[in-house]
PDB file of N, CA and C in Angstrom:
ATOM      1  N   UNK A   1      26.518 -65.813   0.811  1.00  0.00           N
ATOM      2  CA  UNK A   1      26.514 -64.502   0.217  1.00  0.00           C
ATOM      3  C   UNK A   1      25.066 -64.097  -0.074  1.00  0.00           C
ATOM      4  N   UNK A   2      24.678 -62.919   0.408  1.00  0.00           N
ATOM      5  CA  UNK A   2      23.307 -62.430   0.259  1.00  0.00           C
ATOM      6  C   UNK A   2      23.245 -61.464  -0.926  1.00  0.00           C
ATOM      7  N   UNK A   3      22.492 -61.795  -1.984  1.00  0.00           N
ATOM      8  CA  UNK A   3      22.460 -60.933  -3.165  1.00  0.00           C
ATOM      9  C   UNK A   3      21.819 -59.569  -2.882  1.00  0.00           C
ATOM     10  N   UNK A   4      20.915 -59.483  -1.896  1.00  0.00           N
ATOM     11  CA  UNK A   4      20.288 -58.199  -1.590  1.00  0.00           C
ATOM     12  C   UNK A   4      21.293 -57.216  -0.994  1.00  0.00           C
ATOM     13  N   UNK A   5      22.174 -57.717  -0.148  1.00  0.00           N
ATOM     14  CA  UNK A   5      23.164 -56.830   0.466  1.00  0.00           C
ATOM     15  C   UNK A   5      24.159 -56.328  -0.565  1.00  0.00           C
ATOM     16  N   UNK A   6      24.464 -57.145  -1.568  1.00  0.00           N
ATOM     17  CA  UNK A   6      25.373 -56.704  -2.623  1.00  0.00           C
ATOM     18  C   UNK A   6      24.800 -55.531  -3.403  1.00  0.00           C
ATOM     19  N   UNK A   7      23.477 -55.475  -3.518  1.00  0.00           N
ATOM     20  CA  UNK A   7      22.825 -54.376  -4.231  1.00  0.00           C
ATOM     21  C   UNK A   7      22.542 -53.186  -3.335  1.00  0.00           C
ATOM     22  N   UNK A   8      22.828 -53.317  -2.058  1.00  0.00           N
ATOM     23  CA  UNK A   8      22.543 -52.230  -1.130  1.00  0.00           C
ATOM     24  C   UNK A   8      21.097 -52.214  -0.679  1.00  0.00           C
ATOM     25  N   UNK A   9      20.395 -53.341  -0.844  1.00  0.00           N
ATOM     26  CA  UNK A   9      18.995 -53.435  -0.474  1.00  0.00           C
ATOM     27  C   UNK A   9      18.861 -54.257   0.792  1.00  0.00           C
ATOM     28  N   UNK A  10      17.821 -53.986   1.552  1.00  0.00           N
ATOM     29  CA  UNK A  10      17.561 -54.801   2.727  1.00  0.00           C
ATOM     30  C   UNK A  10      16.155 -55.380   2.597  1.00  0.00           C
ATOM     31  N   UNK A  11      15.914 -56.551   3.169  1.00  0.00           N
ATOM     32  CA  UNK A  11      14.582 -57.150   3.061  1.00  0.00           C
ATOM     33  C   UNK A  11      13.557 -56.350   3.854  1.00  0.00           C
ATOM     34  N   UNK A  12      12.302 -56.465   3.437  1.00  0.00           N
ATOM     35  CA  UNK A  12      11.220 -55.793   4.154  1.00  0.00           C
ATOM     36  C   UNK A  12      11.024 -56.434   5.520  1.00  0.00           C
ATOM     37  N   UNK A  13      10.637 -55.644   6.520  1.00  0.00           N
ATOM     38  CA  UNK A  13      10.382 -56.234   7.835  1.00  0.00           C
ATOM     39  C   UNK A  13       9.108 -57.075   7.792  1.00  0.00           C
ATOM     40  N   UNK A  14       8.995 -58.055   8.683  1.00  0.00           N
ATOM     41  CA  UNK A  14       7.758 -58.857   8.722  1.00  0.00           C
ATOM     42  C   UNK A  14       6.554 -57.973   9.025  1.00  0.00           C
ATOM     43  N   UNK A  15       5.359 -58.443   8.646  1.00  0.00           N
ATOM     44  CA  UNK A  15       4.155 -57.638   8.818  1.00  0.00           C
ATOM     45  C   UNK A  15       3.835 -57.315  10.269  1.00  0.00           C
ATOM     46  N   UNK A  16       4.271 -58.101  11.196  1.00  0.00           N
ATOM     47  CA  UNK A  16       3.940 -57.877  12.596  1.00  0.00           C
ATOM     48  C   UNK A  16       4.670 -56.699  13.217  1.00  0.00           C
ATOM     49  N   UNK A  17       5.797 -56.321  12.691  1.00  0.00           N
ATOM     50  CA  UNK A  17       6.586 -55.245  13.278  1.00  0.00           C
ATOM     51  C   UNK A  17       6.149 -53.893  12.715  1.00  0.00           C
ATOM     52  N   UNK A  18       5.939 -52.895  13.594  1.00  0.00           N
ATOM     53  CA  UNK A  18       5.593 -51.567  13.080  1.00  0.00           C
ATOM     54  C   UNK A  18       6.812 -50.932  12.418  1.00  0.00           C
ATOM     55  N   UNK A  19       6.560 -50.229  11.372  1.00  0.00           N
ATOM     56  CA  UNK A  19       7.628 -49.555  10.649  1.00  0.00           C
ATOM     57  C   UNK A  19       7.771 -48.154  11.219  1.00  0.00           C
ATOM     58  N   UNK A  20       8.967 -47.794  11.577  1.00  0.00           N
ATOM     59  CA  UNK A  20       9.219 -46.450  12.107  1.00  0.00           C
ATOM     60  C   UNK A  20       9.220 -45.471  10.941  1.00  0.00           C
ATOM     61  N   UNK A  21       8.473 -44.360  11.085  1.00  0.00           N
ATOM     62  CA  UNK A  21       8.467 -43.377  10.002  1.00  0.00           C
ATOM     63  C   UNK A  21       9.826 -42.687   9.907  1.00  0.00           C
ATOM     64  N   UNK A  22      10.200 -42.389   8.703  1.00  0.00           N
ATOM     65  CA  UNK A  22      11.464 -41.684   8.500  1.00  0.00           C
ATOM     66  C   UNK A  22      11.292 -40.250   8.989  1.00  0.00           C
ATOM     67  N   UNK A  23      12.209 -39.818   9.795  1.00  0.00           N
ATOM     68  CA  UNK A  23      12.094 -38.455  10.313  1.00  0.00           C
ATOM     69  C   UNK A  23      12.711 -37.494   9.306  1.00  0.00           C
ATOM     70  N   UNK A  24      12.000 -36.413   9.093  1.00  0.00           N
ATOM     71  CA  UNK A  24      12.482 -35.398   8.171  1.00  0.00           C
ATOM     72  C   UNK A  24      13.554 -34.579   8.870  1.00  0.00           C
ATOM     73  N   UNK A  25      14.543 -34.153   8.132  1.00  0.00           N
ATOM     74  CA  UNK A  25      15.560 -33.311   8.766  1.00  0.00           C
ATOM     75  C   UNK A  25      14.928 -31.991   9.195  1.00  0.00           C
ATOM     76  N   UNK A  26      15.411 -31.413  10.261  1.00  0.00           N
ATOM     77  CA  UNK A  26      14.826 -30.155  10.712  1.00  0.00           C
ATOM     78  C   UNK A  26      14.972 -29.080   9.636  1.00  0.00           C
ATOM     79  N   UNK A  27      13.906 -28.343   9.466  1.00  0.00           N
ATOM     80  CA  UNK A  27      13.905 -27.306   8.442  1.00  0.00           C
ATOM     81  C   UNK A  27      14.790 -26.150   8.878  1.00  0.00           C
ATOM     82  N   UNK A  28      15.584 -25.685   7.969  1.00  0.00           N
ATOM     83  CA  UNK A  28      16.433 -24.549   8.266  1.00  0.00           C
ATOM     84  C   UNK A  28      15.929 -23.331   7.524  1.00  0.00           C
ATOM     85  N   UNK A  29      16.360 -22.200   7.937  1.00  0.00           N
ATOM     86  CA  UNK A  29      15.974 -20.976   7.260  1.00  0.00           C
ATOM     87  C   UNK A  29      14.754 -20.350   7.887  1.00  0.00           C
ATOM     88  N   UNK A  30      14.312 -19.252   7.320  1.00  0.00           N
ATOM     89  CA  UNK A  30      13.196 -18.507   7.900  1.00  0.00           C
ATOM     90  C   UNK A  30      11.863 -19.228   7.713  1.00  0.00           C
ATOM     91  N   UNK A  31      10.937 -18.895   8.558  1.00  0.00           N
ATOM     92  CA  UNK A  31       9.592 -19.450   8.519  1.00  0.00           C
ATOM     93  C   UNK A  31       8.841 -18.884   7.314  1.00  0.00           C
ATOM     94  N   UNK A  32       7.949 -19.680   6.726  1.00  0.00           N
ATOM     95  CA  UNK A  32       7.188 -19.240   5.550  1.00  0.00           C
ATOM     96  C   UNK A  32       6.341 -18.013   5.873  1.00  0.00           C
ATOM     97  N   UNK A  33       5.736 -18.011   7.057  1.00  0.00           N
ATOM     98  CA  UNK A  33       4.939 -16.856   7.478  1.00  0.00           C
ATOM     99  C   UNK A  33       5.775 -15.594   7.586  1.00  0.00           C
ATOM    100  N   UNK A  34       7.004 -15.750   8.085  1.00  0.00           N
ATOM    101  CA  UNK A  34       7.895 -14.595   8.188  1.00  0.00           C
ATOM    102  C   UNK A  34       8.275 -14.064   6.811  1.00  0.00           C
ATOM    103  N   UNK A  35       8.479 -14.974   5.868  1.00  0.00           N
ATOM    104  CA  UNK A  35       8.795 -14.541   4.501  1.00  0.00           C
ATOM    105  C   UNK A  35       7.635 -13.774   3.880  1.00  0.00           C
ATOM    106  N   UNK A  36       6.415 -14.264   4.107  1.00  0.00           N
ATOM    107  CA  UNK A  36       5.241 -13.556   3.581  1.00  0.00           C
ATOM    108  C   UNK A  36       5.096 -12.180   4.211  1.00  0.00           C
ATOM    109  N   UNK A  37       5.308 -12.133   5.520  1.00  0.00           N
ATOM    110  CA  UNK A  37       5.197 -10.852   6.228  1.00  0.00           C
ATOM    111  C   UNK A  37       6.231  -9.858   5.706  1.00  0.00           C
ATOM    112  N   UNK A  38       7.448 -10.320   5.491  1.00  0.00           N
ATOM    113  CA  UNK A  38       8.505  -9.456   4.978  1.00  0.00           C
ATOM    114  C   UNK A  38       8.162  -8.972   3.564  1.00  0.00           C
ATOM    115  N   UNK A  39       7.629  -9.859   2.737  1.00  0.00           N
ATOM    116  CA  UNK A  39       7.257  -9.478   1.375  1.00  0.00           C
ATOM    117  C   UNK A  39       6.147  -8.432   1.383  1.00  0.00           C
ATOM    118  N   UNK A  40       5.163  -8.595   2.273  1.00  0.00           N
ATOM    119  CA  UNK A  40       4.081  -7.608   2.361  1.00  0.00           C
ATOM    120  C   UNK A  40       4.607  -6.262   2.855  1.00  0.00           C
ATOM    121  N   UNK A  41       5.569  -6.294   3.764  1.00  0.00           N
ATOM    122  CA  UNK A  41       6.164  -5.044   4.244  1.00  0.00           C
ATOM    123  C   UNK A  41       6.913  -4.336   3.114  1.00  0.00           C
ATOM    124  N   UNK A  42       7.589  -5.104   2.269  1.00  0.00           N
ATOM    125  CA  UNK A  42       8.301  -4.509   1.138  1.00  0.00           C
ATOM    126  C   UNK A  42       7.321  -3.905   0.134  1.00  0.00           C
ATOM    127  N   UNK A  43       6.202  -4.573  -0.100  1.00  0.00           N
ATOM    128  CA  UNK A  43       5.184  -4.030  -1.005  1.00  0.00           C
ATOM    129  C   UNK A  43       4.608  -2.748  -0.415  1.00  0.00           C
ATOM    130  N   UNK A  44       4.339  -2.762   0.880  1.00  0.00           N
ATOM    131  CA  UNK A  44       3.816  -1.572   1.546  1.00  0.00           C
ATOM    132  C   UNK A  44       4.814  -0.417   1.456  1.00  0.00           C
ATOM    133  N   UNK A  45       6.082  -0.708   1.652  1.00  0.00           N
ATOM    134  CA  UNK A  45       7.120   0.323   1.550  1.00  0.00           C
ATOM    135  C   UNK A  45       7.166   0.897   0.138  1.00  0.00           C
ATOM    136  N   UNK A  46       7.073   0.036  -0.878  1.00  0.00           N
ATOM    137  CA  UNK A  46       7.067   0.516  -2.258  1.00  0.00           C
ATOM    138  C   UNK A  46       5.850   1.389  -2.540  1.00  0.00           C
ATOM    139  N   UNK A  47       4.699   1.030  -1.972  1.00  0.00           N
ATOM    140  CA  UNK A  47       3.491   1.847  -2.135  1.00  0.00           C
ATOM    141  C   UNK A  47       3.676   3.217  -1.471  1.00  0.00           C
ATOM    142  N   UNK A  48       4.271   3.218  -0.285  1.00  0.00           N
ATOM    143  CA  UNK A  48       4.487   4.486   0.424  1.00  0.00           C
ATOM    144  C   UNK A  48       5.467   5.390  -0.326  1.00  0.00           C
ATOM    145  N   UNK A  49       6.534   4.813  -0.861  1.00  0.00           N
ATOM    146  CA  UNK A  49       7.506   5.596  -1.637  1.00  0.00           C
ATOM    147  C   UNK A  49       6.840   6.153  -2.885  1.00  0.00           C
ATOM    148  N   UNK A  50       6.034   5.360  -3.558  1.00  0.00           N
ATOM    149  CA  UNK A  50       5.351   5.834  -4.768  1.00  0.00           C
ATOM    150  C   UNK A  50       4.396   6.973  -4.438  1.00  0.00           C
ATOM    151  N   UNK A  51       3.680   6.834  -3.338  1.00  0.00           N
ATOM    152  CA  UNK A  51       2.755   7.908  -2.935  1.00  0.00           C
ATOM    153  C   UNK A  51       3.510   9.188  -2.626  1.00  0.00           C
ATOM    154  N   UNK A  52       4.632   9.071  -1.914  1.00  0.00           N
ATOM    155  CA  UNK A  52       5.429  10.237  -1.577  1.00  0.00           C
ATOM    156  C   UNK A  52       6.007  10.900  -2.820  1.00  0.00           C
ATOM    157  N   UNK A  53       6.532  10.099  -3.739  1.00  0.00           N
ATOM    158  CA  UNK A  53       7.093  10.647  -4.985  1.00  0.00           C
ATOM    159  C   UNK A  53       6.015  11.350  -5.812  1.00  0.00           C
ATOM    160  N   UNK A  54       4.837  10.744  -5.905  1.00  0.00           N
ATOM    161  CA  UNK A  54       3.737  11.358  -6.667  1.00  0.00           C
ATOM    162  C   UNK A  54       3.288  12.656  -5.997  1.00  0.00           C
ATOM    163  N   UNK A  55       3.198  12.639  -4.681  1.00  0.00           N
ATOM    164  CA  UNK A  55       2.786  13.850  -3.951  1.00  0.00           C
ATOM    165  C   UNK A  55       3.822  14.959  -4.144  1.00  0.00           C
ATOM    166  N   UNK A  56       5.102  14.624  -4.056  1.00  0.00           N
ATOM    167  CA  UNK A  56       6.148  15.628  -4.252  1.00  0.00           C
ATOM    168  C   UNK A  56       6.107  16.200  -5.669  1.00  0.00           C
ATOM    169  N   UNK A  57       5.797  15.364  -6.626  1.00  0.00           N
ATOM    170  CA  UNK A  57       5.711  15.826  -8.013  1.00  0.00           C
ATOM    171  C   UNK A  57       4.509  16.759  -8.195  1.00  0.00           C
ATOM    172  N   UNK A  58       3.379  16.411  -7.583  1.00  0.00           N
ATOM    173  CA  UNK A  58       2.165  17.223  -7.726  1.00  0.00           C
ATOM    174  C   UNK A  58       2.267  18.551  -6.997  1.00  0.00           C
ATOM    175  N   UNK A  59       2.959  18.569  -5.863  1.00  0.00           N
ATOM    176  CA  UNK A  59       3.066  19.821  -5.092  1.00  0.00           C
ATOM    177  C   UNK A  59       4.211  20.692  -5.571  1.00  0.00           C
ATOM    178  N   UNK A  60       5.029  20.186  -6.461  1.00  0.00           N
ATOM    179  CA  UNK A  60       6.137  20.978  -6.981  1.00  0.00           C
ATOM    180  C   UNK A  60       7.408  20.860  -6.167  1.00  0.00           C
ATOM    181  N   UNK A  61       7.408  20.034  -5.141  1.00  0.00           N
ATOM    182  CA  UNK A  61       8.622  19.845  -4.333  1.00  0.00           C
ATOM    183  C   UNK A  61       9.689  19.109  -5.129  1.00  0.00           C
ATOM    184  N   UNK A  62       9.266  18.363  -6.120  1.00  0.00           N
ATOM    185  CA  UNK A  62      10.199  17.630  -6.969  1.00  0.00           C
ATOM    186  C   UNK A  62       9.788  17.826  -8.422  1.00  0.00           C
ATOM    187  N   UNK A  63      10.774  17.904  -9.290  1.00  0.00           N
ATOM    188  CA  UNK A  63      10.471  18.019 -10.723  1.00  0.00           C
ATOM    189  C   UNK A  63      10.970  16.789 -11.480  1.00  0.00           C
ATOM    190  N   UNK A  64      11.422  15.779 -10.736  1.00  0.00           N
ATOM    191  CA  UNK A  64      11.961  14.568 -11.359  1.00  0.00           C
ATOM    192  C   UNK A  64      10.828  13.579 -11.633  1.00  0.00           C
ATOM    193  N   UNK A  65      10.212  13.725 -12.805  1.00  0.00           N
ATOM    194  CA  UNK A  65       9.092  12.876 -13.169  1.00  0.00           C
ATOM    195  C   UNK A  65       9.538  11.422 -13.372  1.00  0.00           C
ATOM    196  N   UNK A  66      10.752  11.236 -13.841  1.00  0.00           N
ATOM    197  CA  UNK A  66      11.279   9.890 -14.100  1.00  0.00           C
ATOM    198  C   UNK A  66      11.292   9.060 -12.818  1.00  0.00           C
ATOM    199  N   UNK A  67      11.782   9.622 -11.734  1.00  0.00           N
ATOM    200  CA  UNK A  67      11.843   8.909 -10.455  1.00  0.00           C
ATOM    201  C   UNK A  67      10.443   8.585  -9.950  1.00  0.00           C
ATOM    202  N   UNK A  68       9.525   9.534 -10.106  1.00  0.00           N
ATOM    203  CA  UNK A  68       8.154   9.319  -9.646  1.00  0.00           C
ATOM    204  C   UNK A  68       7.487   8.195 -10.434  1.00  0.00           C
ATOM    205  N   UNK A  69       7.665   8.199 -11.736  1.00  0.00           N
ATOM    206  CA  UNK A  69       7.052   7.160 -12.572  1.00  0.00           C
ATOM    207  C   UNK A  69       7.643   5.791 -12.252  1.00  0.00           C
ATOM    208  N   UNK A  70       8.966   5.733 -12.059  1.00  0.00           N
ATOM    209  CA  UNK A  70       9.599   4.458 -11.698  1.00  0.00           C
ATOM    210  C   UNK A  70       9.074   3.943 -10.360  1.00  0.00           C
ATOM    211  N   UNK A  71       8.904   4.835  -9.395  1.00  0.00           N
ATOM    212  CA  UNK A  71       8.412   4.417  -8.069  1.00  0.00           C
ATOM    213  C   UNK A  71       6.990   3.884  -8.171  1.00  0.00           C
ATOM    214  N   UNK A  72       6.154   4.553  -8.963  1.00  0.00           N
ATOM    215  CA  UNK A  72       4.772   4.112  -9.132  1.00  0.00           C
ATOM    216  C   UNK A  72       4.732   2.762  -9.859  1.00  0.00           C
ATOM    217  N   UNK A  73       5.546   2.596 -10.891  1.00  0.00           N
ATOM    218  CA  UNK A  73       5.570   1.326 -11.623  1.00  0.00           C
ATOM    219  C   UNK A  73       6.087   0.184 -10.743  1.00  0.00           C
ATOM    220  N   UNK A  74       7.112   0.461  -9.945  1.00  0.00           N
ATOM    221  CA  UNK A  74       7.646  -0.564  -9.044  1.00  0.00           C
ATOM    222  C   UNK A  74       6.579  -0.980  -8.033  1.00  0.00           C
ATOM    223  N   UNK A  75       5.867  -0.003  -7.497  1.00  0.00           N
ATOM    224  CA  UNK A  75       4.799  -0.307  -6.537  1.00  0.00           C
ATOM    225  C   UNK A  75       3.686  -1.113  -7.200  1.00  0.00           C
ATOM    226  N   UNK A  76       3.346  -0.764  -8.428  1.00  0.00           N
ATOM    227  CA  UNK A  76       2.294  -1.468  -9.152  1.00  0.00           C
ATOM    228  C   UNK A  76       2.683  -2.918  -9.428  1.00  0.00           C
ATOM    229  N   UNK A  77       3.899  -3.139  -9.901  1.00  0.00           N
ATOM    230  CA  UNK A  77       4.345  -4.494 -10.216  1.00  0.00           C
ATOM    231  C   UNK A  77       4.436  -5.336  -8.943  1.00  0.00           C
ATOM    232  N   UNK A  78       4.950  -4.761  -7.865  1.00  0.00           N
ATOM    233  CA  UNK A  78       5.067  -5.529  -6.623  1.00  0.00           C
ATOM    234  C   UNK A  78       3.688  -5.856  -6.053  1.00  0.00           C
ATOM    235  N   UNK A  79       2.726  -4.932  -6.198  1.00  0.00           N
ATOM    236  CA  UNK A  79       1.369  -5.203  -5.725  1.00  0.00           C
ATOM    237  C   UNK A  79       0.722  -6.307  -6.561  1.00  0.00           C
ATOM    238  N   UNK A  80       0.897  -6.252  -7.884  1.00  0.00           N
ATOM    239  CA  UNK A  80       0.341  -7.299  -8.741  1.00  0.00           C
ATOM    240  C   UNK A  80       0.935  -8.661  -8.417  1.00  0.00           C
ATOM    241  N   UNK A  81       2.238  -8.694  -8.128  1.00  0.00           N
ATOM    242  CA  UNK A  81       2.892  -9.950  -7.766  1.00  0.00           C
ATOM    243  C   UNK A  81       2.332 -10.475  -6.437  1.00  0.00           C
ATOM    244  N   UNK A  82       2.138  -9.577  -5.480  1.00  0.00           N
ATOM    245  CA  UNK A  82       1.587  -9.990  -4.193  1.00  0.00           C
ATOM    246  C   UNK A  82       0.178 -10.564  -4.374  1.00  0.00           C
ATOM    247  N   UNK A  83      -0.621  -9.954  -5.218  1.00  0.00           N
ATOM    248  CA  UNK A  83      -1.975 -10.450  -5.449  1.00  0.00           C
ATOM    249  C   UNK A  83      -1.950 -11.804  -6.166  1.00  0.00           C
ATOM    250  N   UNK A  84      -0.987 -12.014  -7.057  1.00  0.00           N
ATOM    251  CA  UNK A  84      -0.858 -13.314  -7.730  1.00  0.00           C
ATOM    252  C   UNK A  84      -0.476 -14.399  -6.738  1.00  0.00           C
ATOM    253  N   UNK A  85       0.445 -14.085  -5.834  1.00  0.00           N
ATOM    254  CA  UNK A  85       0.831 -15.056  -4.802  1.00  0.00           C
ATOM    255  C   UNK A  85      -0.352 -15.343  -3.898  1.00  0.00           C
ATOM    256  N   UNK A  86      -1.103 -14.315  -3.537  1.00  0.00           N
ATOM    257  CA  UNK A  86      -2.296 -14.497  -2.702  1.00  0.00           C
ATOM    258  C   UNK A  86      -3.294 -15.423  -3.385  1.00  0.00           C
ATOM    259  N   UNK A  87      -3.521 -15.216  -4.675  1.00  0.00           N
ATOM    260  CA  UNK A  87      -4.469 -16.059  -5.406  1.00  0.00           C
ATOM    261  C   UNK A  87      -3.994 -17.512  -5.445  1.00  0.00           C
ATOM    262  N   UNK A  88      -2.704 -17.716  -5.649  1.00  0.00           N
ATOM    263  CA  UNK A  88      -2.166 -19.085  -5.664  1.00  0.00           C
ATOM    264  C   UNK A  88      -2.285 -19.740  -4.296  1.00  0.00           C
ATOM    265  N   UNK A  89      -2.054 -18.987  -3.234  1.00  0.00           N
ATOM    266  CA  UNK A  89      -2.185 -19.533  -1.888  1.00  0.00           C
ATOM    267  C   UNK A  89      -3.625 -19.935  -1.595  1.00  0.00           C
ATOM    268  N   UNK A  90      -4.565 -19.086  -1.980  1.00  0.00           N
ATOM    269  CA  UNK A  90      -5.978 -19.404  -1.765  1.00  0.00           C
ATOM    270  C   UNK A  90      -6.377 -20.624  -2.579  1.00  0.00           C
ATOM    271  N   UNK A  91      -5.903 -20.691  -3.814  1.00  0.00           N
ATOM    272  CA  UNK A  91      -6.200 -21.847  -4.660  1.00  0.00           C
ATOM    273  C   UNK A  91      -5.638 -23.127  -4.050  1.00  0.00           C
ATOM    274  N   UNK A  92      -4.407 -23.071  -3.537  1.00  0.00           N
ATOM    275  CA  UNK A  92      -3.804 -24.250  -2.904  1.00  0.00           C
ATOM    276  C   UNK A  92      -4.561 -24.638  -1.638  1.00  0.00           C
ATOM    277  N   UNK A  93      -4.983 -23.660  -0.857  1.00  0.00           N
ATOM    278  CA  UNK A  93      -5.745 -23.935   0.367  1.00  0.00           C
ATOM    279  C   UNK A  93      -7.066 -24.628   0.026  1.00  0.00           C
ATOM    280  N   UNK A  94      -7.751 -24.104  -0.975  1.00  0.00           N
ATOM    281  CA  UNK A  94      -9.029 -24.714  -1.375  1.00  0.00           C
ATOM    282  C   UNK A  94      -8.831 -26.140  -1.883  1.00  0.00           C
ATOM    283  N   UNK A  95      -7.742 -26.369  -2.606  1.00  0.00           N
ATOM    284  CA  UNK A  95      -7.474 -27.717  -3.088  1.00  0.00           C
ATOM    285  C   UNK A  95      -7.213 -28.670  -1.930  1.00  0.00           C
ATOM    286  N   UNK A  96      -6.479 -28.216  -0.938  1.00  0.00           N
ATOM    287  CA  UNK A  96      -6.222 -29.065   0.243  1.00  0.00           C
ATOM    288  C   UNK A  96      -7.519 -29.327   0.983  1.00  0.00           C
ATOM    289  N   UNK A  97      -8.386 -28.334   1.069  1.00  0.00           N
ATOM    290  CA  UNK A  97      -9.659 -28.512   1.778  1.00  0.00           C
ATOM    291  C   UNK A  97     -10.590 -29.478   1.041  1.00  0.00           C
ATOM    292  N   UNK A  98     -10.442 -29.601  -0.278  1.00  0.00           N
ATOM    293  CA  UNK A  98     -11.269 -30.530  -1.051  1.00  0.00           C
ATOM    294  C   UNK A  98     -10.778 -31.962  -0.956  1.00  0.00           C
ATOM    295  N   UNK A  99      -9.562 -32.154  -0.482  1.00  0.00           N
ATOM    296  CA  UNK A  99      -9.018 -33.519  -0.383  1.00  0.00           C
ATOM    297  C   UNK A  99      -9.805 -34.326   0.634  1.00  0.00           C
ATOM    298  N   UNK A 100     -10.033 -35.574   0.292  1.00  0.00           N
ATOM    299  CA  UNK A 100     -10.726 -36.467   1.217  1.00  0.00           C
ATOM    300  C   UNK A 100      -9.711 -37.239   2.014  1.00  0.00           C
ATOM    301  N   UNK A 101      -9.990 -37.397   3.266  1.00  0.00           N
ATOM    302  CA  UNK A 101      -9.074 -38.131   4.144  1.00  0.00           C
ATOM    303  C   UNK A 101      -9.445 -39.581   4.203  1.00  0.00           C
TER     304      UNK A 101
END
């Protein structure tokens, strides 16, 4: 009776044998770059809507100030979030570049 097998453990291979790396399961879902691109497009769309709402309010085509202010605030918050993500990405990139191999 092998006590290691009872615990669900297996002995280490001898030093002479190369150890096969564990393969990671294939990643599912959208690509990270695609997610960033989509997020930037959404921020751009929010900026365009805010600009249109503000222009309509200034030219008198619209009198709904509430909608214009909400559009501008939404565009501002989404832009600030995008800039925060950008800063974190740059910070992470710089940290990786400082790592010694």
